[in-house]
Amino acid sequence: MWQGSSLSWTCTNTPGSYTCSCSPGWETGGTDGACKDVEECATGVHNCDENAACTDGGGSFTCACEPGFTGDGTTGTCEDIDECSGLA
């Protein structure tokens, strides 16, 4: 029996039966057939910049530049903010 949120798996009706599989960002875990969240941040399977924080979410992850940097957080996008610029 497949368990968990219906967002974590898809079920396809077949003649006389069905097949289920985990959605992207989810993987089969344990013996109960439940889909569990892939921990992209913990396993390093993400595209966050080295100056960004990675945050796992249900089936996905987000990247955000650390304080002192600007950009969308993905690889190569976090640029240093020149805090001294404009000071006279």
C-alpha atoms as a PDB file:
ATOM      1  CA  MET A   1       0.000   0.000   0.000  1.00  0.00           C
ATOM      2  CA  TRP A   2       1.448   3.387  -1.034  1.00  0.00           C
ATOM      3  CA  GLN A   3       1.382   5.917   1.749  1.00  0.00           C
ATOM      4  CA  GLY A   4       2.153   9.574   2.275  1.00  0.00           C
ATOM      5  CA  SER A   5       0.959  12.705   0.566  1.00  0.00           C
ATOM      6  CA  SER A   6      -0.464  12.216  -2.918  1.00  0.00           C
ATOM      7  CA  LEU A   7       2.036  14.916  -3.956  1.00  0.00           C
ATOM      8  CA  SER A   8       4.863  12.466  -3.212  1.00  0.00           C
ATOM      9  CA  TRP A   9       3.711   9.693  -5.544  1.00  0.00           C
ATOM     10  CA  THR A  10       1.759   8.999  -8.698  1.00  0.00           C
ATOM     11  CA  CYS A  11      -0.484   6.032  -9.328  1.00  0.00           C
ATOM     12  CA  THR A  12      -1.360   4.708 -12.789  1.00  0.00           C
ATOM     13  CA  ASN A  13      -4.316   2.419 -13.408  1.00  0.00           C
ATOM     14  CA  THR A  14      -3.494  -0.668 -15.472  1.00  0.00           C
ATOM     15  CA  PRO A  15      -5.881  -3.467 -16.581  1.00  0.00           C
ATOM     16  CA  GLY A  16      -6.708  -5.382 -13.410  1.00  0.00           C
ATOM     17  CA  SER A  17      -4.058  -3.630 -11.322  1.00  0.00           C
ATOM     18  CA  TYR A  18      -2.074  -0.417 -10.851  1.00  0.00           C
ATOM     19  CA  THR A  19       1.502   0.837 -10.600  1.00  0.00           C
ATOM     20  CA  CYS A  20       2.806   3.561  -8.316  1.00  0.00           C
ATOM     21  CA  SER A  21       6.066   5.457  -8.254  1.00  0.00           C
ATOM     22  CA  CYS A  22       7.586   8.271  -6.255  1.00  0.00           C
ATOM     23  CA  SER A  23       7.416  11.761  -7.751  1.00  0.00           C
ATOM     24  CA  PRO A  24      10.608  13.719  -8.539  1.00  0.00           C
ATOM     25  CA  GLY A  25      12.282  14.804  -5.300  1.00  0.00           C
ATOM     26  CA  TRP A  26      10.949  11.758  -3.462  1.00  0.00           C
ATOM     27  CA  GLU A  27      12.304   8.204  -3.100  1.00  0.00           C
ATOM     28  CA  THR A  28      10.970   4.892  -1.835  1.00  0.00           C
ATOM     29  CA  GLY A  29      11.939   4.364   1.773  1.00  0.00           C
ATOM     30  CA  GLY A  30      11.502   1.425   4.089  1.00  0.00           C
ATOM     31  CA  THR A  31       9.339  -1.620   3.582  1.00  0.00           C
ATOM     32  CA  ASP A  32       5.959   0.141   3.804  1.00  0.00           C
ATOM     33  CA  GLY A  33       6.188   1.579   0.271  1.00  0.00           C
ATOM     34  CA  ALA A  34       6.011   5.162   1.489  1.00  0.00           C
ATOM     35  CA  CYS A  35       7.793   7.858  -0.464  1.00  0.00           C
ATOM     36  CA  LYS A  36      10.200   9.957   1.564  1.00  0.00           C
ATOM     37  CA  ASP A  37      11.664  13.352   0.778  1.00  0.00           C
ATOM     38  CA  VAL A  38      15.103  13.316  -0.856  1.00  0.00           C
ATOM     39  CA  GLU A  39      17.358  15.440   1.358  1.00  0.00           C
ATOM     40  CA  GLU A  40      19.115  17.348  -1.452  1.00  0.00           C
ATOM     41  CA  CYS A  41      20.901  19.728   0.936  1.00  0.00           C
ATOM     42  CA  ALA A  42      22.217  17.023   3.263  1.00  0.00           C
ATOM     43  CA  THR A  43      23.415  14.806   0.407  1.00  0.00           C
ATOM     44  CA  GLY A  44      24.885  17.641  -1.682  1.00  0.00           C
ATOM     45  CA  VAL A  45      22.532  16.968  -4.606  1.00  0.00           C
ATOM     46  CA  HIS A  46      21.640  20.617  -5.234  1.00  0.00           C
ATOM     47  CA  ASN A  47      22.803  23.578  -7.292  1.00  0.00           C
ATOM     48  CA  CYS A  48      23.193  26.186  -4.536  1.00  0.00           C
ATOM     49  CA  ASP A  49      26.087  28.645  -4.709  1.00  0.00           C
ATOM     50  CA  GLU A  50      28.956  28.128  -2.226  1.00  0.00           C
ATOM     51  CA  ASN A  51      27.861  31.417  -0.588  1.00  0.00           C
ATOM     52  CA  ALA A  52      24.224  30.350  -0.267  1.00  0.00           C
ATOM     53  CA  ALA A  53      22.143  28.424   2.244  1.00  0.00           C
ATOM     54  CA  CYS A  54      20.296  25.336   1.035  1.00  0.00           C
ATOM     55  CA  THR A  55      16.909  24.562   2.618  1.00  0.00           C
ATOM     56  CA  ASP A  56      15.158  21.229   2.067  1.00  0.00           C
ATOM     57  CA  GLY A  57      11.416  21.163   1.479  1.00  0.00           C
ATOM     58  CA  GLY A  58       8.858  18.524   0.598  1.00  0.00           C
ATOM     59  CA  GLY A  59      10.133  17.139  -2.700  1.00  0.00           C
ATOM     60  CA  SER A  60      12.440  20.055  -3.472  1.00  0.00           C
ATOM     61  CA  PHE A  61      14.896  22.582  -2.053  1.00  0.00           C
ATOM     62  CA  THR A  62      15.580  26.311  -2.160  1.00  0.00           C
ATOM     63  CA  CYS A  63      18.786  28.338  -2.276  1.00  0.00           C
ATOM     64  CA  ALA A  64      19.260  31.792  -0.742  1.00  0.00           C
ATOM     65  CA  CYS A  65      22.444  33.901  -0.734  1.00  0.00           C
ATOM     66  CA  GLU A  66      24.051  34.370   2.673  1.00  0.00           C
ATOM     67  CA  PRO A  67      24.061  37.840   4.289  1.00  0.00           C
ATOM     68  CA  GLY A  68      26.543  40.109   2.502  1.00  0.00           C
ATOM     69  CA  PHE A  69      25.816  38.510  -0.882  1.00  0.00           C
ATOM     70  CA  THR A  70      23.151  39.148  -3.507  1.00  0.00           C
ATOM     71  CA  GLY A  71      21.649  36.929  -6.217  1.00  0.00           C
ATOM     72  CA  ASP A  72      19.168  34.079  -6.532  1.00  0.00           C
ATOM     73  CA  GLY A  73      21.329  31.588  -4.617  1.00  0.00           C
ATOM     74  CA  THR A  74      22.088  29.132  -7.398  1.00  0.00           C
ATOM     75  CA  THR A  75      25.629  28.247  -8.491  1.00  0.00           C
ATOM     76  CA  GLY A  76      27.631  31.273  -9.574  1.00  0.00           C
ATOM     77  CA  THR A  77      24.958  33.843  -8.728  1.00  0.00           C
ATOM     78  CA  CYS A  78      25.801  35.020  -5.190  1.00  0.00           C
ATOM     79  CA  GLU A  79      27.900  38.155  -5.629  1.00  0.00           C
ATOM     80  CA  ASP A  80      29.599  40.015  -2.811  1.00  0.00           C
ATOM     81  CA  ILE A  81      27.871  43.253  -1.797  1.00  0.00           C
ATOM     82  CA  ASP A  82      30.390  46.094  -1.454  1.00  0.00           C
ATOM     83  CA  GLU A  83      29.198  47.532   1.855  1.00  0.00           C
ATOM     84  CA  CYS A  84      31.908  50.212   1.681  1.00  0.00           C
ATOM     85  CA  SER A  85      30.661  51.535  -1.662  1.00  0.00           C
ATOM     86  CA  GLY A  86      29.224  55.022  -1.323  1.00  0.00           C
ATOM     87  CA  LEU A  87      30.867  55.746   2.034  1.00  0.00           C
ATOM     88  CA  ALA A  88      32.772  58.990   2.049  1.00  0.00           C
END
